[in-house]
Full PDB file with SEQRES, HELIX, SHEET, SSBOND, CRYST1, ORIGX, SCALE, CONECT and MASTER records, all heavy atoms in Angstrom:
SEQRES   1 A   36  LEU LYS ASP ALA SER SER SER GLU ILE ILE ALA GLY VAL          
SEQRES   2 A   36  ARG GLY VAL ALA GLU GLY LYS ALA VAL CYS PRO PRO LYS          
SEQRES   3 A   36  LEU CYS LEU SER LEU PHE ARG LEU THR ALA                      
HELIX    1 AA1 SER A    6  ALA A   17  1                                  12    
HELIX    2 AA2 PRO A   25  THR A   35  1                                  11    
CRYST1    1.000    1.000    1.000  90.00  90.00  90.00 P 1           1          
ORIGX1      1.000000  0.000000  0.000000        0.00000                         
ORIGX2      0.000000  1.000000  0.000000        0.00000                         
ORIGX3      0.000000  0.000000  1.000000        0.00000                         
SCALE1      1.000000  0.000000  0.000000        0.00000                         
SCALE2      0.000000  1.000000  0.000000        0.00000                         
SCALE3      0.000000  0.000000  1.000000        0.00000                         
ATOM      1  N   LEU A   1       0.818  -1.210   0.000  1.00  0.00           N  
ATOM      2  CA  LEU A   1       0.000   0.000   0.000  1.00  0.00           C  
ATOM      3  C   LEU A   1       0.854   1.262   0.000  1.00  0.00           C  
ATOM      4  O   LEU A   1       2.043   1.231   0.316  1.00  0.00           O  
ATOM      5  CB  LEU A   1      -0.933  -0.008   1.208  1.00  0.00           C  
ATOM      6  CG  LEU A   1      -1.902  -1.185   1.276  1.00  0.00           C  
ATOM      7  CD1 LEU A   1      -2.744  -1.114   2.539  1.00  0.00           C  
ATOM      8  CD2 LEU A   1      -2.780  -1.240   0.038  1.00  0.00           C  
ATOM      9  N   LYS A   2       0.218   2.369  -0.349  1.00  0.00           N  
ATOM     10  CA  LYS A   2       0.949   3.629  -0.467  1.00  0.00           C  
ATOM     11  C   LYS A   2       1.492   4.133   0.863  1.00  0.00           C  
ATOM     12  O   LYS A   2       2.407   4.938   0.881  1.00  0.00           O  
ATOM     13  CB  LYS A   2       0.104   4.693  -1.153  1.00  0.00           C  
ATOM     14  CG  LYS A   2      -1.201   5.017  -0.504  1.00  0.00           C  
ATOM     15  CD  LYS A   2      -1.977   5.998  -1.369  1.00  0.00           C  
ATOM     16  CE  LYS A   2      -3.418   6.089  -0.946  1.00  0.00           C  
ATOM     17  NZ  LYS A   2      -4.182   6.853  -1.919  1.00  0.00           N  
ATOM     18  N   ASP A   3       0.967   3.638   1.973  1.00  0.00           N  
ATOM     19  CA  ASP A   3       1.500   4.060   3.262  1.00  0.00           C  
ATOM     20  C   ASP A   3       2.592   3.116   3.788  1.00  0.00           C  
ATOM     21  O   ASP A   3       3.037   3.238   4.926  1.00  0.00           O  
ATOM     22  CB  ASP A   3       0.385   4.219   4.295  1.00  0.00           C  
ATOM     23  CG  ASP A   3      -0.376   2.928   4.575  1.00  0.00           C  
ATOM     24  OD1 ASP A   3      -0.120   1.913   3.896  1.00  0.00           O  
ATOM     25  OD2 ASP A   3      -1.243   2.936   5.476  1.00  0.00           O  
ATOM     26  N   ALA A   4       3.064   2.193   2.937  1.00  0.00           N  
ATOM     27  CA  ALA A   4       4.117   1.260   3.350  1.00  0.00           C  
ATOM     28  C   ALA A   4       5.426   2.027   3.563  1.00  0.00           C  
ATOM     29  O   ALA A   4       5.787   2.902   2.777  1.00  0.00           O  
ATOM     30  CB  ALA A   4       4.318   0.176   2.294  1.00  0.00           C  
ATOM     31  N   SER A   5       6.121   1.668   4.614  1.00  0.00           N  
ATOM     32  CA  SER A   5       7.402   2.301   4.896  1.00  0.00           C  
ATOM     33  C   SER A   5       8.480   1.687   4.008  1.00  0.00           C  
ATOM     34  O   SER A   5       8.277   0.644   3.383  1.00  0.00           O  
ATOM     35  CB  SER A   5       7.768   2.081   6.368  1.00  0.00           C  
ATOM     36  OG  SER A   5       8.025   0.697   6.598  1.00  0.00           O  
ATOM     37  N   SER A   6       9.630   2.328   3.982  1.00  0.00           N  
ATOM     38  CA  SER A   6      10.724   1.792   3.161  1.00  0.00           C  
ATOM     39  C   SER A   6      11.147   0.408   3.656  1.00  0.00           C  
ATOM     40  O   SER A   6      11.460  -0.469   2.849  1.00  0.00           O  
ATOM     41  CB  SER A   6      11.918   2.752   3.148  1.00  0.00           C  
ATOM     42  OG  SER A   6      12.353   3.013   4.469  1.00  0.00           O  
ATOM     43  N   SER A   7      11.120   0.183   4.967  1.00  0.00           N  
ATOM     44  CA  SER A   7      11.495  -1.136   5.482  1.00  0.00           C  
ATOM     45  C   SER A   7      10.459  -2.188   5.091  1.00  0.00           C  
ATOM     46  O   SER A   7      10.803  -3.351   4.844  1.00  0.00           O  
ATOM     47  CB  SER A   7      11.707  -1.106   6.998  1.00  0.00           C  
ATOM     48  OG  SER A   7      10.532  -0.721   7.655  1.00  0.00           O  
ATOM     49  N   GLU A   8       9.160  -1.805   5.023  1.00  0.00           N  
ATOM     50  CA  GLU A   8       8.126  -2.747   4.582  1.00  0.00           C  
ATOM     51  C   GLU A   8       8.291  -3.083   3.095  1.00  0.00           C  
ATOM     52  O   GLU A   8       8.078  -4.226   2.691  1.00  0.00           O  
ATOM     53  CB  GLU A   8       6.728  -2.170   4.834  1.00  0.00           C  
ATOM     54  CG  GLU A   8       6.357  -2.112   6.301  1.00  0.00           C  
ATOM     55  CD  GLU A   8       5.064  -1.342   6.557  1.00  0.00           C  
ATOM     56  OE1 GLU A   8       4.812  -0.322   5.880  1.00  0.00           O  
ATOM     57  OE2 GLU A   8       4.308  -1.785   7.446  1.00  0.00           O  
ATOM     58  N   ILE A   9       8.700  -2.095   2.308  1.00  0.00           N  
ATOM     59  CA  ILE A   9       8.936  -2.345   0.883  1.00  0.00           C  
ATOM     60  C   ILE A   9      10.118  -3.292   0.713  1.00  0.00           C  
ATOM     61  O   ILE A   9      10.056  -4.262  -0.044  1.00  0.00           O  
ATOM     62  CB  ILE A   9       9.152  -1.025   0.112  1.00  0.00           C  
ATOM     63  CG1 ILE A   9       7.841  -0.217   0.102  1.00  0.00           C  
ATOM     64  CG2 ILE A   9       9.624  -1.300  -1.327  1.00  0.00           C  
ATOM     65  CD1 ILE A   9       7.964   1.183  -0.469  1.00  0.00           C  
ATOM     66  N   ILE A  10      11.184  -3.057   1.440  1.00  0.00           N  
ATOM     67  CA  ILE A  10      12.360  -3.927   1.364  1.00  0.00           C  
ATOM     68  C   ILE A  10      11.994  -5.341   1.801  1.00  0.00           C  
ATOM     69  O   ILE A  10      12.343  -6.325   1.132  1.00  0.00           O  
ATOM     70  CB  ILE A  10      13.520  -3.363   2.217  1.00  0.00           C  
ATOM     71  CG1 ILE A  10      14.047  -2.064   1.574  1.00  0.00           C  
ATOM     72  CG2 ILE A  10      14.644  -4.388   2.376  1.00  0.00           C  
ATOM     73  CD1 ILE A  10      14.981  -1.261   2.456  1.00  0.00           C  
ATOM     74  N   ALA A  11      11.279  -5.466   2.914  1.00  0.00           N  
ATOM     75  CA  ALA A  11      10.856  -6.790   3.395  1.00  0.00           C  
ATOM     76  C   ALA A  11       9.944  -7.465   2.378  1.00  0.00           C  
ATOM     77  O   ALA A  11      10.030  -8.679   2.162  1.00  0.00           O  
ATOM     78  CB  ALA A  11      10.149  -6.657   4.743  1.00  0.00           C  
ATOM     79  N   GLY A  12       9.070  -6.695   1.743  1.00  0.00           N  
ATOM     80  CA  GLY A  12       8.169  -7.245   0.726  1.00  0.00           C  
ATOM     81  C   GLY A  12       8.927  -7.781  -0.477  1.00  0.00           C  
ATOM     82  O   GLY A  12       8.648  -8.886  -0.958  1.00  0.00           O  
ATOM     83  N   VAL A  13       9.905  -7.033  -0.955  1.00  0.00           N  
ATOM     84  CA  VAL A  13      10.707  -7.472  -2.105  1.00  0.00           C  
ATOM     85  C   VAL A  13      11.505  -8.723  -1.731  1.00  0.00           C  
ATOM     86  O   VAL A  13      11.549  -9.684  -2.494  1.00  0.00           O  
ATOM     87  CB  VAL A  13      11.638  -6.342  -2.595  1.00  0.00           C  
ATOM     88  CG1 VAL A  13      12.641  -6.856  -3.628  1.00  0.00           C  
ATOM     89  CG2 VAL A  13      10.825  -5.191  -3.171  1.00  0.00           C  
ATOM     90  N   ARG A  14      12.092  -8.715  -0.550  1.00  0.00           N  
ATOM     91  CA  ARG A  14      12.848  -9.899  -0.109  1.00  0.00           C  
ATOM     92  C   ARG A  14      11.933 -11.117   0.027  1.00  0.00           C  
ATOM     93  O   ARG A  14      12.298 -12.225  -0.364  1.00  0.00           O  
ATOM     94  CB  ARG A  14      13.541  -9.622   1.224  1.00  0.00           C  
ATOM     95  CG  ARG A  14      14.743  -8.733   1.068  1.00  0.00           C  
ATOM     96  CD  ARG A  14      15.480  -8.533   2.372  1.00  0.00           C  
ATOM     97  NE  ARG A  14      16.675  -7.727   2.140  1.00  0.00           N  
ATOM     98  CZ  ARG A  14      17.191  -6.911   3.041  1.00  0.00           C  
ATOM     99  NH1 ARG A  14      16.647  -6.800   4.239  1.00  0.00           N  
ATOM    100  NH2 ARG A  14      18.263  -6.213   2.753  1.00  0.00           N  
ATOM    101  N   GLY A  15      10.759 -10.913   0.594  1.00  0.00           N  
ATOM    102  CA  GLY A  15       9.805 -12.011   0.748  1.00  0.00           C  
ATOM    103  C   GLY A  15       9.397 -12.600  -0.589  1.00  0.00           C  
ATOM    104  O   GLY A  15       9.376 -13.819  -0.776  1.00  0.00           O  
ATOM    105  N   VAL A  16       9.088 -11.740  -1.553  1.00  0.00           N  
ATOM    106  CA  VAL A  16       8.701 -12.209  -2.883  1.00  0.00           C  
ATOM    107  C   VAL A  16       9.880 -12.923  -3.551  1.00  0.00           C  
ATOM    108  O   VAL A  16       9.697 -13.956  -4.200  1.00  0.00           O  
ATOM    109  CB  VAL A  16       8.170 -11.035  -3.738  1.00  0.00           C  
ATOM    110  CG1 VAL A  16       8.064 -11.412  -5.206  1.00  0.00           C  
ATOM    111  CG2 VAL A  16       6.818 -10.583  -3.213  1.00  0.00           C  
ATOM    112  N   ALA A  17      11.082 -12.407  -3.361  1.00  0.00           N  
ATOM    113  CA  ALA A  17      12.275 -13.061  -3.931  1.00  0.00           C  
ATOM    114  C   ALA A  17      12.457 -14.460  -3.352  1.00  0.00           C  
ATOM    115  O   ALA A  17      12.976 -15.349  -4.033  1.00  0.00           O  
ATOM    116  CB  ALA A  17      13.515 -12.214  -3.661  1.00  0.00           C  
ATOM    117  N   GLU A  18      12.007 -14.676  -2.121  1.00  0.00           N  
ATOM    118  CA  GLU A  18      12.102 -15.990  -1.474  1.00  0.00           C  
ATOM    119  C   GLU A  18      10.921 -16.896  -1.808  1.00  0.00           C  
ATOM    120  O   GLU A  18      10.800 -17.990  -1.268  1.00  0.00           O  
ATOM    121  CB  GLU A  18      12.189 -15.805   0.046  1.00  0.00           C  
ATOM    122  CG  GLU A  18      13.453 -15.114   0.509  1.00  0.00           C  
ATOM    123  CD  GLU A  18      13.389 -14.683   1.981  1.00  0.00           C  
ATOM    124  OE1 GLU A  18      12.358 -14.937   2.652  1.00  0.00           O  
ATOM    125  OE2 GLU A  18      14.370 -14.076   2.448  1.00  0.00           O  
ATOM    126  N   GLY A  19      10.022 -16.403  -2.661  1.00  0.00           N  
ATOM    127  CA  GLY A  19       8.892 -17.224  -3.082  1.00  0.00           C  
ATOM    128  C   GLY A  19       7.642 -17.046  -2.253  1.00  0.00           C  
ATOM    129  O   GLY A  19       6.695 -17.819  -2.366  1.00  0.00           O  
ATOM    130  N   LYS A  20       7.618 -16.031  -1.410  1.00  0.00           N  
ATOM    131  CA  LYS A  20       6.447 -15.766  -0.581  1.00  0.00           C  
ATOM    132  C   LYS A  20       5.543 -14.749  -1.279  1.00  0.00           C  
ATOM    133  O   LYS A  20       5.992 -13.980  -2.125  1.00  0.00           O  
ATOM    134  CB  LYS A  20       6.869 -15.196   0.776  1.00  0.00           C  
ATOM    135  CG  LYS A  20       7.737 -16.146   1.577  1.00  0.00           C  
ATOM    136  CD  LYS A  20       8.235 -15.483   2.832  1.00  0.00           C  
ATOM    137  CE  LYS A  20       9.207 -16.403   3.569  1.00  0.00           C  
ATOM    138  NZ  LYS A  20       9.876 -15.707   4.674  1.00  0.00           N  
ATOM    139  N   ALA A  21       4.283 -14.742  -0.898  1.00  0.00           N  
ATOM    140  CA  ALA A  21       3.352 -13.727  -1.375  1.00  0.00           C  
ATOM    141  C   ALA A  21       3.276 -12.628  -0.324  1.00  0.00           C  
ATOM    142  O   ALA A  21       3.353 -12.899   0.874  1.00  0.00           O  
ATOM    143  CB  ALA A  21       1.979 -14.330  -1.604  1.00  0.00           C  
ATOM    144  N   VAL A  22       3.139 -11.398  -0.779  1.00  0.00           N  
ATOM    145  CA  VAL A  22       3.038 -10.267   0.136  1.00  0.00           C  
ATOM    146  C   VAL A  22       1.701  -9.587  -0.118  1.00  0.00           C  
ATOM    147  O   VAL A  22       1.396  -9.186  -1.238  1.00  0.00           O  
ATOM    148  CB  VAL A  22       4.201  -9.273  -0.091  1.00  0.00           C  
ATOM    149  CG1 VAL A  22       4.029  -8.051   0.780  1.00  0.00           C  
ATOM    150  CG2 VAL A  22       5.530  -9.952   0.168  1.00  0.00           C  
ATOM    151  N   CYS A  23       0.919  -9.506   0.951  1.00  0.00           N  
ATOM    152  CA  CYS A  23      -0.451  -9.006   0.834  1.00  0.00           C  
ATOM    153  C   CYS A  23      -0.799  -8.207   2.076  1.00  0.00           C  
ATOM    154  O   CYS A  23      -0.567  -8.688   3.183  1.00  0.00           O  
ATOM    155  CB  CYS A  23      -1.382 -10.204   0.679  1.00  0.00           C  
ATOM    156  SG  CYS A  23      -3.119  -9.853   0.802  1.00  0.00           S  
ATOM    157  N   PRO A  24      -1.375  -7.021   1.920  1.00  0.00           N  
ATOM    158  CA  PRO A  24      -1.793  -6.266   3.099  1.00  0.00           C  
ATOM    159  C   PRO A  24      -2.879  -7.032   3.869  1.00  0.00           C  
ATOM    160  O   PRO A  24      -3.809  -7.559   3.254  1.00  0.00           O  
ATOM    161  CB  PRO A  24      -2.379  -4.971   2.538  1.00  0.00           C  
ATOM    162  CG  PRO A  24      -1.992  -4.935   1.107  1.00  0.00           C  
ATOM    163  CD  PRO A  24      -1.685  -6.324   0.683  1.00  0.00           C  
ATOM    164  N   PRO A  25      -2.757  -7.109   5.170  1.00  0.00           N  
ATOM    165  CA  PRO A  25      -3.749  -7.861   5.958  1.00  0.00           C  
ATOM    166  C   PRO A  25      -5.187  -7.436   5.684  1.00  0.00           C  
ATOM    167  O   PRO A  25      -6.082  -8.273   5.629  1.00  0.00           O  
ATOM    168  CB  PRO A  25      -3.350  -7.564   7.401  1.00  0.00           C  
ATOM    169  CG  PRO A  25      -1.889  -7.247   7.334  1.00  0.00           C  
ATOM    170  CD  PRO A  25      -1.691  -6.566   6.008  1.00  0.00           C  
ATOM    171  N   LYS A  26      -5.422  -6.133   5.464  1.00  0.00           N  
ATOM    172  CA  LYS A  26      -6.802  -5.697   5.267  1.00  0.00           C  
ATOM    173  C   LYS A  26      -7.370  -6.144   3.927  1.00  0.00           C  
ATOM    174  O   LYS A  26      -8.574  -6.120   3.734  1.00  0.00           O  
ATOM    175  CB  LYS A  26      -6.953  -4.196   5.468  1.00  0.00           C  
ATOM    176  CG  LYS A  26      -6.113  -3.309   4.599  1.00  0.00           C  
ATOM    177  CD  LYS A  26      -6.437  -1.847   4.893  1.00  0.00           C  
ATOM    178  CE  LYS A  26      -5.209  -1.007   5.080  1.00  0.00           C  
ATOM    179  NZ  LYS A  26      -5.495   0.358   5.417  1.00  0.00           N  
ATOM    180  N   LEU A  27      -6.525  -6.590   2.990  1.00  0.00           N  
ATOM    181  CA  LEU A  27      -7.022  -7.095   1.706  1.00  0.00           C  
ATOM    182  C   LEU A  27      -6.996  -8.616   1.626  1.00  0.00           C  
ATOM    183  O   LEU A  27      -7.547  -9.206   0.705  1.00  0.00           O  
ATOM    184  CB  LEU A  27      -6.213  -6.498   0.554  1.00  0.00           C  
ATOM    185  CG  LEU A  27      -6.433  -5.009   0.319  1.00  0.00           C  
ATOM    186  CD1 LEU A  27      -5.465  -4.475  -0.719  1.00  0.00           C  
ATOM    187  CD2 LEU A  27      -7.858  -4.722  -0.080  1.00  0.00           C  
ATOM    188  N   CYS A  28      -6.363  -9.251   2.583  1.00  0.00           N  
ATOM    189  CA  CYS A  28      -6.282 -10.712   2.603  1.00  0.00           C  
ATOM    190  C   CYS A  28      -7.660 -11.364   2.614  1.00  0.00           C  
ATOM    191  O   CYS A  28      -7.878 -12.371   1.945  1.00  0.00           O  
ATOM    192  CB  CYS A  28      -5.496 -11.170   3.819  1.00  0.00           C  
ATOM    193  SG  CYS A  28      -3.956 -11.945   3.399  1.00  0.00           S  
ATOM    194  N   LEU A  29      -8.586 -10.805   3.367  1.00  0.00           N  
ATOM    195  CA  LEU A  29      -9.920 -11.380   3.472  1.00  0.00           C  
ATOM    196  C   LEU A  29     -10.607 -11.459   2.110  1.00  0.00           C  
ATOM    197  O   LEU A  29     -11.258 -12.459   1.799  1.00  0.00           O  
ATOM    198  CB  LEU A  29     -10.783 -10.585   4.455  1.00  0.00           C  
ATOM    199  CG  LEU A  29     -12.189 -11.116   4.678  1.00  0.00           C  
ATOM    200  CD1 LEU A  29     -12.150 -12.542   5.216  1.00  0.00           C  
ATOM    201  CD2 LEU A  29     -12.947 -10.217   5.634  1.00  0.00           C  
ATOM    202  N   SER A  30     -10.433 -10.435   1.280  1.00  0.00           N  
ATOM    203  CA  SER A  30     -11.062 -10.467  -0.048  1.00  0.00           C  
ATOM    204  C   SER A  30     -10.489 -11.598  -0.891  1.00  0.00           C  
ATOM    205  O   SER A  30     -11.209 -12.229  -1.662  1.00  0.00           O  
ATOM    206  CB  SER A  30     -10.898  -9.125  -0.760  1.00  0.00           C  
ATOM    207  OG  SER A  30      -9.544  -8.807  -0.943  1.00  0.00           O  
ATOM    208  N   LEU A  31      -9.214 -11.882  -0.725  1.00  0.00           N  
ATOM    209  CA  LEU A  31      -8.583 -12.980  -1.456  1.00  0.00           C  
ATOM    210  C   LEU A  31      -9.134 -14.329  -0.983  1.00  0.00           C  
ATOM    211  O   LEU A  31      -9.453 -15.198  -1.796  1.00  0.00           O  
ATOM    212  CB  LEU A  31      -7.073 -12.925  -1.264  1.00  0.00           C  
ATOM    213  CG  LEU A  31      -6.211 -13.756  -2.176  1.00  0.00           C  
ATOM    214  CD1 LEU A  31      -6.494 -13.461  -3.642  1.00  0.00           C  
ATOM    215  CD2 LEU A  31      -4.749 -13.490  -1.875  1.00  0.00           C  
ATOM    216  N   PHE A  32      -9.290 -14.487   0.325  1.00  0.00           N  
ATOM    217  CA  PHE A  32      -9.868 -15.712   0.866  1.00  0.00           C  
ATOM    218  C   PHE A  32     -11.304 -15.893   0.393  1.00  0.00           C  
ATOM    219  O   PHE A  32     -11.728 -16.980   0.026  1.00  0.00           O  
ATOM    220  CB  PHE A  32      -9.827 -15.717   2.406  1.00  0.00           C  
ATOM    221  CG  PHE A  32      -8.477 -16.044   2.961  1.00  0.00           C  
ATOM    222  CD1 PHE A  32      -7.737 -15.082   3.632  1.00  0.00           C  
ATOM    223  CD2 PHE A  32      -7.940 -17.317   2.830  1.00  0.00           C  
ATOM    224  CE1 PHE A  32      -6.490 -15.378   4.153  1.00  0.00           C  
ATOM    225  CE2 PHE A  32      -6.697 -17.626   3.348  1.00  0.00           C  
ATOM    226  CZ  PHE A  32      -5.968 -16.658   4.012  1.00  0.00           C  
ATOM    227  N   ARG A  33     -12.076 -14.799   0.408  1.00  0.00           N  
ATOM    228  CA  ARG A  33     -13.471 -14.867  -0.007  1.00  0.00           C  
ATOM    229  C   ARG A  33     -13.587 -15.263  -1.482  1.00  0.00           C  
ATOM    230  O   ARG A  33     -14.383 -16.109  -1.845  1.00  0.00           O  
ATOM    231  CB  ARG A  33     -14.158 -13.519   0.254  1.00  0.00           C  
ATOM    232  CG  ARG A  33     -15.646 -13.562   0.095  1.00  0.00           C  
ATOM    233  CD  ARG A  33     -16.375 -12.306   0.543  1.00  0.00           C  
ATOM    234  NE  ARG A  33     -15.747 -11.069   0.143  1.00  0.00           N  
ATOM    235  CZ  ARG A  33     -15.276 -10.147   1.008  1.00  0.00           C  
ATOM    236  NH1 ARG A  33     -15.388 -10.329   2.291  1.00  0.00           N  
ATOM    237  NH2 ARG A  33     -14.725  -9.045   0.560  1.00  0.00           N  
ATOM    238  N   LEU A  34     -12.762 -14.664  -2.335  1.00  0.00           N  
ATOM    239  CA  LEU A  34     -12.782 -14.999  -3.760  1.00  0.00           C  
ATOM    240  C   LEU A  34     -12.388 -16.456  -3.987  1.00  0.00           C  
ATOM    241  O   LEU A  34     -13.023 -17.171  -4.762  1.00  0.00           O  
ATOM    242  CB  LEU A  34     -11.837 -14.083  -4.543  1.00  0.00           C  
ATOM    243  CG  LEU A  34     -11.745 -14.359  -6.033  1.00  0.00           C  
ATOM    244  CD1 LEU A  34     -13.081 -14.069  -6.724  1.00  0.00           C  
ATOM    245  CD2 LEU A  34     -10.639 -13.529  -6.658  1.00  0.00           C  
ATOM    246  N   THR A  35     -11.375 -16.911  -3.280  1.00  0.00           N  
ATOM    247  CA  THR A  35     -10.939 -18.302  -3.410  1.00  0.00           C  
ATOM    248  C   THR A  35     -12.034 -19.260  -2.961  1.00  0.00           C  
ATOM    249  O   THR A  35     -12.306 -20.263  -3.623  1.00  0.00           O  
ATOM    250  CB  THR A  35      -9.653 -18.538  -2.589  1.00  0.00           C  
ATOM    251  OG1 THR A  35      -8.659 -17.611  -3.030  1.00  0.00           O  
ATOM    252  CG2 THR A  35      -9.144 -19.945  -2.743  1.00  0.00           C  
ATOM    253  N   ALA A  36     -12.694 -18.941  -1.862  1.00  0.00           N  
ATOM    254  CA  ALA A  36     -13.783 -19.794  -1.367  1.00  0.00           C  
ATOM    255  C   ALA A  36     -14.932 -19.835  -2.362  1.00  0.00           C  
ATOM    256  O   ALA A  36     -15.506 -20.903  -2.627  1.00  0.00           O  
ATOM    257  CB  ALA A  36     -14.268 -19.295  -0.008  1.00  0.00           C  
TER     258      ALA A  36                                                      
MASTER        0    0    0    2    0    0    0    6  257    1    0    3          
END                                                                             
């Protein structure tokens, strides 16, 4: 999100590079709902 800090952006890029998905918690529910 646009309010992400520089450390959150760095952690997000590192996480994705390691094969993880990065998703804001407040949007995670919509992803679960769509999948269900």
